[in-house]
Amino acid sequence: MALLHALKYIDTAQLDKVIIETDSLLLKNIVERVWKVPWKVVNILEEIWRLMQGKTVVISHIFREGNKLADYLANLALEKGTVQVNCFQELESQGKRIVNSDKLVVPYLRIRQCRK
């Protein structure tokens, strides 16, 4: 689970105030104890909660469009194995396009037609 790996990194880096953005509302609500924890992942959630103790961790829900770079990097890691990117220049062209598009601060609008 990506959140668990992120929290382990945060713990190792000794960060105590972080904002984590996720496109999974399910994950956010389970971690914040709004929804019940599925029994299959209780052990993982207990470790997540343990790693969050003593830190200010804000988990924010964002739409998938706001998470394009993270999705791109996750898929790249699945495809190639371990991937490490330390700066913009190390990104492949698709990753650079995502970052540059994000820098334009053009909002993504979700529009649905109302049912009559």
PDB file of N, CA and C in Angstrom:
ATOM      1  N   MET A   1       0.848  -1.171   0.000  1.00  0.00           N
ATOM      2  CA  MET A   1       0.000   0.000   0.000  1.00  0.00           C
ATOM      3  C   MET A   1       0.899   1.240   0.000  1.00  0.00           C
ATOM      4  N   ALA A   2       0.634   2.131  -0.935  1.00  0.00           N
ATOM      5  CA  ALA A   2       1.482   3.318  -1.126  1.00  0.00           C
ATOM      6  C   ALA A   2       1.523   4.200   0.114  1.00  0.00           C
ATOM      7  N   LEU A   3       0.402   4.342   0.800  1.00  0.00           N
ATOM      8  CA  LEU A   3       0.370   5.194   1.990  1.00  0.00           C
ATOM      9  C   LEU A   3       1.316   4.664   3.062  1.00  0.00           C
ATOM     10  N   LEU A   4       1.340   3.368   3.254  1.00  0.00           N
ATOM     11  CA  LEU A   4       2.236   2.772   4.242  1.00  0.00           C
ATOM     12  C   LEU A   4       3.697   3.058   3.881  1.00  0.00           C
ATOM     13  N   HIS A   5       4.047   2.892   2.613  1.00  0.00           N
ATOM     14  CA  HIS A   5       5.425   3.175   2.182  1.00  0.00           C
ATOM     15  C   HIS A   5       5.760   4.654   2.366  1.00  0.00           C
ATOM     16  N   ALA A   6       4.810   5.523   2.059  1.00  0.00           N
ATOM     17  CA  ALA A   6       5.039   6.967   2.240  1.00  0.00           C
ATOM     18  C   ALA A   6       5.277   7.292   3.707  1.00  0.00           C
ATOM     19  N   LEU A   7       4.481   6.703   4.585  1.00  0.00           N
ATOM     20  CA  LEU A   7       4.638   6.970   6.019  1.00  0.00           C
ATOM     21  C   LEU A   7       5.952   6.412   6.560  1.00  0.00           C
ATOM     22  N   LYS A   8       6.397   5.287   6.035  1.00  0.00           N
ATOM     23  CA  LYS A   8       7.707   4.753   6.441  1.00  0.00           C
ATOM     24  C   LYS A   8       8.812   5.712   6.015  1.00  0.00           C
ATOM     25  N   TYR A   9       8.687   6.271   4.812  1.00  0.00           N
ATOM     26  CA  TYR A   9       9.675   7.249   4.349  1.00  0.00           C
ATOM     27  C   TYR A   9       9.653   8.492   5.234  1.00  0.00           C
ATOM     28  N   ILE A  10       8.450   8.973   5.540  1.00  0.00           N
ATOM     29  CA  ILE A  10       8.286  10.157   6.393  1.00  0.00           C
ATOM     30  C   ILE A  10       8.924   9.914   7.755  1.00  0.00           C
ATOM     31  N   ASP A  11       8.745   8.706   8.284  1.00  0.00           N
ATOM     32  CA  ASP A  11       9.327   8.347   9.578  1.00  0.00           C
ATOM     33  C   ASP A  11      10.853   8.332   9.496  1.00  0.00           C
ATOM     34  N   THR A  12      11.384   7.712   8.451  1.00  0.00           N
ATOM     35  CA  THR A  12      12.835   7.645   8.264  1.00  0.00           C
ATOM     36  C   THR A  12      13.443   9.035   8.075  1.00  0.00           C
ATOM     37  N   ALA A  13      12.735   9.889   7.333  1.00  0.00           N
ATOM     38  CA  ALA A  13      13.226  11.251   7.070  1.00  0.00           C
ATOM     39  C   ALA A  13      12.973  12.191   8.244  1.00  0.00           C
ATOM     40  N   GLN A  14      12.330  11.677   9.280  1.00  0.00           N
ATOM     41  CA  GLN A  14      12.020  12.434  10.497  1.00  0.00           C
ATOM     42  C   GLN A  14      11.214  13.707  10.209  1.00  0.00           C
ATOM     43  N   LEU A  15      10.242  13.575   9.317  1.00  0.00           N
ATOM     44  CA  LEU A  15       9.332  14.682   9.034  1.00  0.00           C
ATOM     45  C   LEU A  15       8.179  14.596  10.023  1.00  0.00           C
ATOM     46  N   ASP A  16       7.736  15.723  10.551  1.00  0.00           N
ATOM     47  CA  ASP A  16       6.659  15.654  11.542  1.00  0.00           C
ATOM     48  C   ASP A  16       5.392  16.392  11.126  1.00  0.00           C
ATOM     49  N   LYS A  17       5.439  17.145  10.029  1.00  0.00           N
ATOM     50  CA  LYS A  17       4.249  17.823   9.512  1.00  0.00           C
ATOM     51  C   LYS A  17       4.180  17.583   8.014  1.00  0.00           C
ATOM     52  N   VAL A  18       3.190  16.804   7.581  1.00  0.00           N
ATOM     53  CA  VAL A  18       3.083  16.474   6.160  1.00  0.00           C
ATOM     54  C   VAL A  18       1.632  16.523   5.698  1.00  0.00           C
ATOM     55  N   ILE A  19       1.474  16.775   4.416  1.00  0.00           N
ATOM     56  CA  ILE A  19       0.171  16.688   3.757  1.00  0.00           C
ATOM     57  C   ILE A  19       0.301  15.591   2.714  1.00  0.00           C
ATOM     58  N   ILE A  20      -0.593  14.618   2.786  1.00  0.00           N
ATOM     59  CA  ILE A  20      -0.596  13.521   1.828  1.00  0.00           C
ATOM     60  C   ILE A  20      -1.866  13.650   1.003  1.00  0.00           C
ATOM     61  N   GLU A  21      -1.706  13.689  -0.320  1.00  0.00           N
ATOM     62  CA  GLU A  21      -2.853  13.786  -1.209  1.00  0.00           C
ATOM     63  C   GLU A  21      -3.111  12.422  -1.831  1.00  0.00           C
ATOM     64  N   THR A  22      -4.370  12.006  -1.825  1.00  0.00           N
ATOM     65  CA  THR A  22      -4.745  10.728  -2.409  1.00  0.00           C
ATOM     66  C   THR A  22      -6.003  10.894  -3.243  1.00  0.00           C
ATOM     67  N   ASP A  23      -6.093  10.111  -4.312  1.00  0.00           N
ATOM     68  CA  ASP A  23      -7.321  10.131  -5.093  1.00  0.00           C
ATOM     69  C   ASP A  23      -8.275   9.030  -4.625  1.00  0.00           C
ATOM     70  N   SER A  24      -7.955   8.398  -3.512  1.00  0.00           N
ATOM     71  CA  SER A  24      -8.810   7.353  -2.949  1.00  0.00           C
ATOM     72  C   SER A  24      -9.564   7.883  -1.729  1.00  0.00           C
ATOM     73  N   LEU A  25     -10.824   8.224  -1.951  1.00  0.00           N
ATOM     74  CA  LEU A  25     -11.657   8.681  -0.842  1.00  0.00           C
ATOM     75  C   LEU A  25     -11.865   7.543   0.158  1.00  0.00           C
ATOM     76  N   LEU A  26     -11.923   6.322  -0.335  1.00  0.00           N
ATOM     77  CA  LEU A  26     -12.051   5.148   0.530  1.00  0.00           C
ATOM     78  C   LEU A  26     -10.887   5.087   1.516  1.00  0.00           C
ATOM     79  N   LEU A  27      -9.665   5.203   1.010  1.00  0.00           N
ATOM     80  CA  LEU A  27      -8.480   5.155   1.870  1.00  0.00           C
ATOM     81  C   LEU A  27      -8.503   6.278   2.895  1.00  0.00           C
ATOM     82  N   LYS A  28      -8.793   7.490   2.447  1.00  0.00           N
ATOM     83  CA  LYS A  28      -8.833   8.648   3.343  1.00  0.00           C
ATOM     84  C   LYS A  28      -9.813   8.413   4.487  1.00  0.00           C
ATOM     85  N   ASN A  29     -11.014   7.962   4.161  1.00  0.00           N
ATOM     86  CA  ASN A  29     -12.041   7.775   5.187  1.00  0.00           C
ATOM     87  C   ASN A  29     -11.749   6.601   6.115  1.00  0.00           C
ATOM     88  N   ILE A  30     -11.097   5.577   5.618  1.00  0.00           N
ATOM     89  CA  ILE A  30     -10.725   4.455   6.488  1.00  0.00           C
ATOM     90  C   ILE A  30      -9.618   4.882   7.450  1.00  0.00           C
ATOM     91  N   VAL A  31      -8.599   5.573   6.935  1.00  0.00           N
ATOM     92  CA  VAL A  31      -7.490   6.015   7.787  1.00  0.00           C
ATOM     93  C   VAL A  31      -7.986   6.991   8.843  1.00  0.00           C
ATOM     94  N   GLU A  32      -8.930   7.850   8.481  1.00  0.00           N
ATOM     95  CA  GLU A  32      -9.464   8.828   9.430  1.00  0.00           C
ATOM     96  C   GLU A  32     -10.578   8.249  10.310  1.00  0.00           C
ATOM     97  N   ARG A  33     -10.799   6.950  10.192  1.00  0.00           N
ATOM     98  CA  ARG A  33     -11.771   6.212  11.009  1.00  0.00           C
ATOM     99  C   ARG A  33     -13.211   6.677  10.812  1.00  0.00           C
ATOM    100  N   VAL A  34     -13.475   7.228   9.625  1.00  0.00           N
ATOM    101  CA  VAL A  34     -14.844   7.606   9.272  1.00  0.00           C
ATOM    102  C   VAL A  34     -15.603   6.351   8.855  1.00  0.00           C
ATOM    103  N   TRP A  35     -14.931   5.479   8.126  1.00  0.00           N
ATOM    104  CA  TRP A  35     -15.514   4.224   7.673  1.00  0.00           C
ATOM    105  C   TRP A  35     -14.814   3.065   8.368  1.00  0.00           C
ATOM    106  N   LYS A  36     -15.509   1.937   8.436  1.00  0.00           N
ATOM    107  CA  LYS A  36     -14.946   0.736   9.057  1.00  0.00           C
ATOM    108  C   LYS A  36     -13.781   0.192   8.234  1.00  0.00           C
ATOM    109  N   VAL A  37     -12.840  -0.394   8.942  1.00  0.00           N
ATOM    110  CA  VAL A  37     -11.673  -1.000   8.294  1.00  0.00           C
ATOM    111  C   VAL A  37     -12.039  -2.408   7.840  1.00  0.00           C
ATOM    112  N   PRO A  38     -11.846  -2.723   6.556  1.00  0.00           N
ATOM    113  CA  PRO A  38     -12.059  -4.105   6.118  1.00  0.00           C
ATOM    114  C   PRO A  38     -11.093  -5.028   6.866  1.00  0.00           C
ATOM    115  N   TRP A  39     -11.579  -6.153   7.337  1.00  0.00           N
ATOM    116  CA  TRP A  39     -10.769  -7.029   8.189  1.00  0.00           C
ATOM    117  C   TRP A  39      -9.484  -7.482   7.505  1.00  0.00           C
ATOM    118  N   LYS A  40      -9.485  -7.546   6.179  1.00  0.00           N
ATOM    119  CA  LYS A  40      -8.290  -8.016   5.465  1.00  0.00           C
ATOM    120  C   LYS A  40      -7.104  -7.062   5.594  1.00  0.00           C
ATOM    121  N   VAL A  41      -7.376  -5.795   5.905  1.00  0.00           N
ATOM    122  CA  VAL A  41      -6.288  -4.809   5.963  1.00  0.00           C
ATOM    123  C   VAL A  41      -6.109  -4.200   7.350  1.00  0.00           C
ATOM    124  N   VAL A  42      -6.678  -4.825   8.362  1.00  0.00           N
ATOM    125  CA  VAL A  42      -6.572  -4.295   9.730  1.00  0.00           C
ATOM    126  C   VAL A  42      -5.112  -4.144  10.147  1.00  0.00           C
ATOM    127  N   ASN A  43      -4.280  -5.146   9.881  1.00  0.00           N
ATOM    128  CA  ASN A  43      -2.865  -5.079  10.288  1.00  0.00           C
ATOM    129  C   ASN A  43      -2.135  -3.924   9.612  1.00  0.00           C
ATOM    130  N   ILE A  44      -2.423  -3.706   8.342  1.00  0.00           N
ATOM    131  CA  ILE A  44      -1.791  -2.599   7.616  1.00  0.00           C
ATOM    132  C   ILE A  44      -2.229  -1.268   8.211  1.00  0.00           C
ATOM    133  N   LEU A  45      -3.531  -1.134   8.480  1.00  0.00           N
ATOM    134  CA  LEU A  45      -4.040   0.119   9.046  1.00  0.00           C
ATOM    135  C   LEU A  45      -3.473   0.375  10.431  1.00  0.00           C
ATOM    136  N   GLU A  46      -3.295  -0.660  11.227  1.00  0.00           N
ATOM    137  CA  GLU A  46      -2.701  -0.471  12.554  1.00  0.00           C
ATOM    138  C   GLU A  46      -1.276   0.068  12.435  1.00  0.00           C
ATOM    139  N   GLU A  47      -0.527  -0.423  11.440  1.00  0.00           N
ATOM    140  CA  GLU A  47       0.829   0.097  11.240  1.00  0.00           C
ATOM    141  C   GLU A  47       0.784   1.540  10.739  1.00  0.00           C
ATOM    142  N   ILE A  48      -0.162   1.851   9.860  1.00  0.00           N
ATOM    143  CA  ILE A  48      -0.325   3.231   9.376  1.00  0.00           C
ATOM    144  C   ILE A  48      -0.613   4.157  10.548  1.00  0.00           C
ATOM    145  N   TRP A  49      -1.553   3.779  11.400  1.00  0.00           N
ATOM    146  CA  TRP A  49      -1.901   4.618  12.556  1.00  0.00           C
ATOM    147  C   TRP A  49      -0.702   4.772  13.500  1.00  0.00           C
ATOM    148  N   ARG A  50       0.069   3.698  13.675  1.00  0.00           N
ATOM    149  CA  ARG A  50       1.252   3.768  14.540  1.00  0.00           C
ATOM    150  C   ARG A  50       2.267   4.767  13.981  1.00  0.00           C
ATOM    151  N   LEU A  51       2.490   4.717  12.679  1.00  0.00           N
ATOM    152  CA  LEU A  51       3.449   5.622  12.046  1.00  0.00           C
ATOM    153  C   LEU A  51       2.975   7.076  12.064  1.00  0.00           C
ATOM    154  N   MET A  52       1.670   7.287  12.146  1.00  0.00           N
ATOM    155  CA  MET A  52       1.120   8.645  12.171  1.00  0.00           C
ATOM    156  C   MET A  52       1.186   9.272  13.565  1.00  0.00           C
ATOM    157  N   GLN A  53       1.342   8.449  14.605  1.00  0.00           N
ATOM    158  CA  GLN A  53       1.359   8.970  15.974  1.00  0.00           C
ATOM    159  C   GLN A  53       2.516   9.948  16.171  1.00  0.00           C
ATOM    160  N   GLY A  54       2.214  11.044  16.850  1.00  0.00           N
ATOM    161  CA  GLY A  54       3.232  12.038  17.160  1.00  0.00           C
ATOM    162  C   GLY A  54       3.578  12.954  15.994  1.00  0.00           C
ATOM    163  N   LYS A  55       2.862  12.814  14.890  1.00  0.00           N
ATOM    164  CA  LYS A  55       3.101  13.647  13.714  1.00  0.00           C
ATOM    165  C   LYS A  55       1.798  14.355  13.339  1.00  0.00           C
ATOM    166  N   THR A  56       1.929  15.459  12.642  1.00  0.00           N
ATOM    167  CA  THR A  56       0.766  16.111  12.061  1.00  0.00           C
ATOM    168  C   THR A  56       0.675  15.637  10.616  1.00  0.00           C
ATOM    169  N   VAL A  57      -0.266  14.739  10.362  1.00  0.00           N
ATOM    170  CA  VAL A  57      -0.445  14.181   9.025  1.00  0.00           C
ATOM    171  C   VAL A  57      -1.847  14.549   8.555  1.00  0.00           C
ATOM    172  N   VAL A  58      -1.912  15.328   7.496  1.00  0.00           N
ATOM    173  CA  VAL A  58      -3.192  15.700   6.897  1.00  0.00           C
ATOM    174  C   VAL A  58      -3.346  14.875   5.630  1.00  0.00           C
ATOM    175  N   ILE A  59      -4.443  14.138   5.548  1.00  0.00           N
ATOM    176  CA  ILE A  59      -4.722  13.357   4.347  1.00  0.00           C
ATOM    177  C   ILE A  59      -5.830  14.081   3.598  1.00  0.00           C
ATOM    178  N   SER A  60      -5.516  14.481   2.388  1.00  0.00           N
ATOM    179  CA  SER A  60      -6.429  15.282   1.584  1.00  0.00           C
ATOM    180  C   SER A  60      -6.875  14.490   0.359  1.00  0.00           C
ATOM    181  N   HIS A  61      -8.173  14.527   0.071  1.00  0.00           N
ATOM    182  CA  HIS A  61      -8.683  13.851  -1.123  1.00  0.00           C
ATOM    183  C   HIS A  61      -8.597  14.792  -2.315  1.00  0.00           C
ATOM    184  N   ILE A  62      -8.030  14.296  -3.402  1.00  0.00           N
ATOM    185  CA  ILE A  62      -8.001  15.053  -4.651  1.00  0.00           C
ATOM    186  C   ILE A  62      -8.565  14.160  -5.747  1.00  0.00           C
ATOM    187  N   PHE A  63      -9.058  14.787  -6.799  1.00  0.00           N
ATOM    188  CA  PHE A  63      -9.547  13.997  -7.923  1.00  0.00           C
ATOM    189  C   PHE A  63      -8.363  13.433  -8.695  1.00  0.00           C
ATOM    190  N   ARG A  64      -8.615  12.372  -9.403  1.00  0.00           N
ATOM    191  CA  ARG A  64      -7.558  11.661 -10.121  1.00  0.00           C
ATOM    192  C   ARG A  64      -6.768  12.596 -11.042  1.00  0.00           C
ATOM    193  N   GLU A  65      -7.434  13.593 -11.619  1.00  0.00           N
ATOM    194  CA  GLU A  65      -6.747  14.519 -12.521  1.00  0.00           C
ATOM    195  C   GLU A  65      -5.637  15.282 -11.797  1.00  0.00           C
ATOM    196  N   GLY A  66      -5.806  15.519 -10.512  1.00  0.00           N
ATOM    197  CA  GLY A  66      -4.792  16.220  -9.732  1.00  0.00           C
ATOM    198  C   GLY A  66      -3.652  15.316  -9.306  1.00  0.00           C
ATOM    199  N   ASN A  67      -3.767  14.046  -9.621  1.00  0.00           N
ATOM    200  CA  ASN A  67      -2.790  13.060  -9.176  1.00  0.00           C
ATOM    201  C   ASN A  67      -2.065  12.424 -10.364  1.00  0.00           C
ATOM    202  N   LYS A  68      -2.081  13.111 -11.503  1.00  0.00           N
ATOM    203  CA  LYS A  68      -1.521  12.528 -12.729  1.00  0.00           C
ATOM    204  C   LYS A  68      -0.050  12.147 -12.598  1.00  0.00           C
ATOM    205  N   LEU A  69       0.744  13.017 -11.988  1.00  0.00           N
ATOM    206  CA  LEU A  69       2.176  12.725 -11.884  1.00  0.00           C
ATOM    207  C   LEU A  69       2.424  11.501 -11.004  1.00  0.00           C
ATOM    208  N   ALA A  70       1.719  11.409  -9.890  1.00  0.00           N
ATOM    209  CA  ALA A  70       1.878  10.243  -9.008  1.00  0.00           C
ATOM    210  C   ALA A  70       1.451   8.966  -9.725  1.00  0.00           C
ATOM    211  N   ASP A  71       0.340   9.023 -10.468  1.00  0.00           N
ATOM    212  CA  ASP A  71      -0.103   7.855 -11.234  1.00  0.00           C
ATOM    213  C   ASP A  71       0.936   7.473 -12.288  1.00  0.00           C
ATOM    214  N   TYR A  72       1.475   8.481 -12.963  1.00  0.00           N
ATOM    215  CA  TYR A  72       2.494   8.235 -13.984  1.00  0.00           C
ATOM    216  C   TYR A  72       3.716   7.540 -13.370  1.00  0.00           C
ATOM    217  N   LEU A  73       4.202   8.069 -12.245  1.00  0.00           N
ATOM    218  CA  LEU A  73       5.393   7.495 -11.608  1.00  0.00           C
ATOM    219  C   LEU A  73       5.123   6.089 -11.073  1.00  0.00           C
ATOM    220  N   ALA A  74       3.932   5.873 -10.520  1.00  0.00           N
ATOM    221  CA  ALA A  74       3.585   4.533 -10.023  1.00  0.00           C
ATOM    222  C   ALA A  74       3.550   3.529 -11.169  1.00  0.00           C
ATOM    223  N   ASN A  75       2.946   3.918 -12.287  1.00  0.00           N
ATOM    224  CA  ASN A  75       2.893   3.021 -13.445  1.00  0.00           C
ATOM    225  C   ASN A  75       4.281   2.786 -14.029  1.00  0.00           C
ATOM    226  N   LEU A  76       5.117   3.811 -14.012  1.00  0.00           N
ATOM    227  CA  LEU A  76       6.492   3.667 -14.489  1.00  0.00           C
ATOM    228  C   LEU A  76       7.260   2.666 -13.623  1.00  0.00           C
ATOM    229  N   ALA A  77       7.059   2.746 -12.317  1.00  0.00           N
ATOM    230  CA  ALA A  77       7.724   1.813 -11.399  1.00  0.00           C
ATOM    231  C   ALA A  77       7.227   0.387 -11.613  1.00  0.00           C
ATOM    232  N   LEU A  78       5.931   0.232 -11.873  1.00  0.00           N
ATOM    233  CA  LEU A  78       5.400  -1.108 -12.145  1.00  0.00           C
ATOM    234  C   LEU A  78       5.994  -1.676 -13.431  1.00  0.00           C
ATOM    235  N   GLU A  79       6.181  -0.807 -14.402  1.00  0.00           N
ATOM    236  CA  GLU A  79       6.702  -1.228 -15.701  1.00  0.00           C
ATOM    237  C   GLU A  79       8.200  -1.527 -15.663  1.00  0.00           C
ATOM    238  N   LYS A  80       8.972  -0.674 -14.962  1.00  0.00           N
ATOM    239  CA  LYS A  80      10.427  -0.772 -15.016  1.00  0.00           C
ATOM    240  C   LYS A  80      11.078  -1.276 -13.735  1.00  0.00           C
ATOM    241  N   GLY A  81      10.303  -1.437 -12.685  1.00  0.00           N
ATOM    242  CA  GLY A  81      10.903  -1.788 -11.406  1.00  0.00           C
ATOM    243  C   GLY A  81      11.179  -0.528 -10.614  1.00  0.00           C
ATOM    244  N   THR A  82      12.203  -0.528  -9.817  1.00  0.00           N
ATOM    245  CA  THR A  82      12.531   0.628  -8.986  1.00  0.00           C
ATOM    246  C   THR A  82      12.876   1.829  -9.857  1.00  0.00           C
ATOM    247  N   VAL A  83      12.237   2.959  -9.542  1.00  0.00           N
ATOM    248  CA  VAL A  83      12.476   4.201 -10.279  1.00  0.00           C
ATOM    249  C   VAL A  83      12.797   5.287  -9.268  1.00  0.00           C
ATOM    250  N   GLN A  84      13.855   6.042  -9.528  1.00  0.00           N
ATOM    251  CA  GLN A  84      14.198   7.160  -8.657  1.00  0.00           C
ATOM    252  C   GLN A  84      14.364   8.396  -9.524  1.00  0.00           C
ATOM    253  N   VAL A  85      13.612   9.452  -9.177  1.00  0.00           N
ATOM    254  CA  VAL A  85      13.688  10.718  -9.898  1.00  0.00           C
ATOM    255  C   VAL A  85      13.955  11.800  -8.869  1.00  0.00           C
ATOM    256  N   ASN A  86      15.055  12.515  -9.027  1.00  0.00           N
ATOM    257  CA  ASN A  86      15.441  13.539  -8.058  1.00  0.00           C
ATOM    258  C   ASN A  86      15.188  14.961  -8.532  1.00  0.00           C
ATOM    259  N   CYS A  87      15.011  15.135  -9.829  1.00  0.00           N
ATOM    260  CA  CYS A  87      14.773  16.485 -10.341  1.00  0.00           C
ATOM    261  C   CYS A  87      14.020  16.401 -11.669  1.00  0.00           C
ATOM    262  N   PHE A  88      13.520  17.536 -12.100  1.00  0.00           N
ATOM    263  CA  PHE A  88      12.726  17.627 -13.326  1.00  0.00           C
ATOM    264  C   PHE A  88      13.475  17.050 -14.524  1.00  0.00           C
ATOM    265  N   GLN A  89      14.765  17.342 -14.645  1.00  0.00           N
ATOM    266  CA  GLN A  89      15.541  16.901 -15.798  1.00  0.00           C
ATOM    267  C   GLN A  89      15.630  15.380 -15.903  1.00  0.00           C
ATOM    268  N   GLU A  90      15.457  14.678 -14.803  1.00  0.00           N
ATOM    269  CA  GLU A  90      15.544  13.216 -14.821  1.00  0.00           C
ATOM    270  C   GLU A  90      14.242  12.552 -15.263  1.00  0.00           C
ATOM    271  N   LEU A  91      13.168  13.327 -15.366  1.00  0.00           N
ATOM    272  CA  LEU A  91      11.896  12.768 -15.822  1.00  0.00           C
ATOM    273  C   LEU A  91      11.950  12.464 -17.310  1.00  0.00           C
ATOM    274  N   GLU A  92      11.214  11.429 -17.720  1.00  0.00           N
ATOM    275  CA  GLU A  92      11.054  11.176 -19.146  1.00  0.00           C
ATOM    276  C   GLU A  92      10.101  12.234 -19.701  1.00  0.00           C
ATOM    277  N   SER A  93      10.000  12.320 -21.017  1.00  0.00           N
ATOM    278  CA  SER A  93       9.229  13.403 -21.643  1.00  0.00           C
ATOM    279  C   SER A  93       7.771  13.436 -21.186  1.00  0.00           C
ATOM    280  N   GLN A  94       7.147  12.290 -21.008  1.00  0.00           N
ATOM    281  CA  GLN A  94       5.751  12.275 -20.562  1.00  0.00           C
ATOM    282  C   GLN A  94       5.618  12.882 -19.166  1.00  0.00           C
ATOM    283  N   GLY A  95       6.525  12.566 -18.279  1.00  0.00           N
ATOM    284  CA  GLY A  95       6.509  13.139 -16.939  1.00  0.00           C
ATOM    285  C   GLY A  95       6.720  14.640 -16.970  1.00  0.00           C
ATOM    286  N   LYS A  96       7.622  15.098 -17.831  1.00  0.00           N
ATOM    287  CA  LYS A  96       7.859  16.541 -17.970  1.00  0.00           C
ATOM    288  C   LYS A  96       6.603  17.250 -18.470  1.00  0.00           C
ATOM    289  N   ARG A  97       5.892  16.618 -19.420  1.00  0.00           N
ATOM    290  CA  ARG A  97       4.647  17.220 -19.928  1.00  0.00           C
ATOM    291  C   ARG A  97       3.619  17.367 -18.818  1.00  0.00           C
ATOM    292  N   ILE A  98       3.519  16.364 -17.959  1.00  0.00           N
ATOM    293  CA  ILE A  98       2.557  16.418 -16.854  1.00  0.00           C
ATOM    294  C   ILE A  98       2.907  17.561 -15.908  1.00  0.00           C
ATOM    295  N   VAL A  99       4.181  17.687 -15.557  1.00  0.00           N
ATOM    296  CA  VAL A  99       4.612  18.762 -14.653  1.00  0.00           C
ATOM    297  C   VAL A  99       4.357  20.122 -15.285  1.00  0.00           C
ATOM    298  N   ASN A 100       4.737  20.287 -16.548  1.00  0.00           N
ATOM    299  CA  ASN A 100       4.539  21.572 -17.221  1.00  0.00           C
ATOM    300  C   ASN A 100       3.063  21.917 -17.351  1.00  0.00           C
ATOM    301  N   SER A 101       2.240  20.935 -17.625  1.00  0.00           N
ATOM    302  CA  SER A 101       0.796  21.163 -17.706  1.00  0.00           C
ATOM    303  C   SER A 101       0.247  21.606 -16.352  1.00  0.00           C
ATOM    304  N   ASP A 102       0.744  20.987 -15.291  1.00  0.00           N
ATOM    305  CA  ASP A 102       0.301  21.335 -13.940  1.00  0.00           C
ATOM    306  C   ASP A 102       0.717  22.761 -13.578  1.00  0.00           C
ATOM    307  N   LYS A 103       1.882  23.183 -14.042  1.00  0.00           N
ATOM    308  CA  LYS A 103       2.379  24.534 -13.743  1.00  0.00           C
ATOM    309  C   LYS A 103       1.518  25.623 -14.382  1.00  0.00           C
ATOM    310  N   LEU A 104       0.763  25.285 -15.419  1.00  0.00           N
ATOM    311  CA  LEU A 104      -0.093  26.270 -16.084  1.00  0.00           C
ATOM    312  C   LEU A 104      -1.290  26.660 -15.222  1.00  0.00           C
ATOM    313  N   VAL A 105      -1.577  25.878 -14.202  1.00  0.00           N
ATOM    314  CA  VAL A 105      -2.668  26.120 -13.254  1.00  0.00           C
ATOM    315  C   VAL A 105      -4.002  26.301 -13.984  1.00  0.00           C
ATOM    316  N   VAL A 106      -4.224  25.485 -14.994  1.00  0.00           N
ATOM    317  CA  VAL A 106      -5.500  25.495 -15.693  1.00  0.00           C
ATOM    318  C   VAL A 106      -6.402  24.489 -14.995  1.00  0.00           C
ATOM    319  N   PRO A 107      -7.563  24.934 -14.514  1.00  0.00           N
ATOM    320  CA  PRO A 107      -8.424  24.006 -13.779  1.00  0.00           C
ATOM    321  C   PRO A 107      -9.010  22.933 -14.684  1.00  0.00           C
ATOM    322  N   TYR A 108      -9.180  21.766 -14.124  1.00  0.00           N
ATOM    323  CA  TYR A 108      -9.857  20.684 -14.820  1.00  0.00           C
ATOM    324  C   TYR A 108     -11.300  20.708 -14.350  1.00  0.00           C
ATOM    325  N   LEU A 109     -12.221  20.826 -15.273  1.00  0.00           N
ATOM    326  CA  LEU A 109     -13.636  20.908 -14.914  1.00  0.00           C
ATOM    327  C   LEU A 109     -14.310  19.572 -15.161  1.00  0.00           C
ATOM    328  N   ARG A 110     -15.027  19.104 -14.174  1.00  0.00           N
ATOM    329  CA  ARG A 110     -15.848  17.907 -14.333  1.00  0.00           C
ATOM    330  C   ARG A 110     -17.273  18.383 -14.550  1.00  0.00           C
ATOM    331  N   ILE A 111     -17.821  18.106 -15.697  1.00  0.00           N
ATOM    332  CA  ILE A 111     -19.170  18.572 -16.022  1.00  0.00           C
ATOM    333  C   ILE A 111     -20.035  17.365 -16.321  1.00  0.00           C
ATOM    334  N   ARG A 112     -21.175  17.311 -15.652  1.00  0.00           N
ATOM    335  CA  ARG A 112     -22.137  16.239 -15.903  1.00  0.00           C
ATOM    336  C   ARG A 112     -23.467  16.876 -16.246  1.00  0.00           C
ATOM    337  N   GLN A 113     -24.174  16.240 -17.132  1.00  0.00           N
ATOM    338  CA  GLN A 113     -25.492  16.732 -17.500  1.00  0.00           C
ATOM    339  C   GLN A 113     -26.491  16.287 -16.437  1.00  0.00           C
ATOM    340  N   CYS A 114     -27.335  17.204 -16.025  1.00  0.00           N
ATOM    341  CA  CYS A 114     -28.359  16.878 -15.028  1.00  0.00           C
ATOM    342  C   CYS A 114     -29.434  16.011 -15.658  1.00  0.00           C
ATOM    343  N   ARG A 115     -29.900  15.060 -14.896  1.00  0.00           N
ATOM    344  CA  ARG A 115     -31.015  14.230 -15.358  1.00  0.00           C
ATOM    345  C   ARG A 115     -32.307  14.982 -15.128  1.00  0.00           C
ATOM    346  N   LYS A 116     -33.202  14.858 -16.059  1.00  0.00           N
ATOM    347  CA  LYS A 116     -34.482  15.574 -15.936  1.00  0.00           C
ATOM    348  C   LYS A 116     -35.501  14.775 -15.191  1.00  0.00           C
TER     349      LYS A 116
END
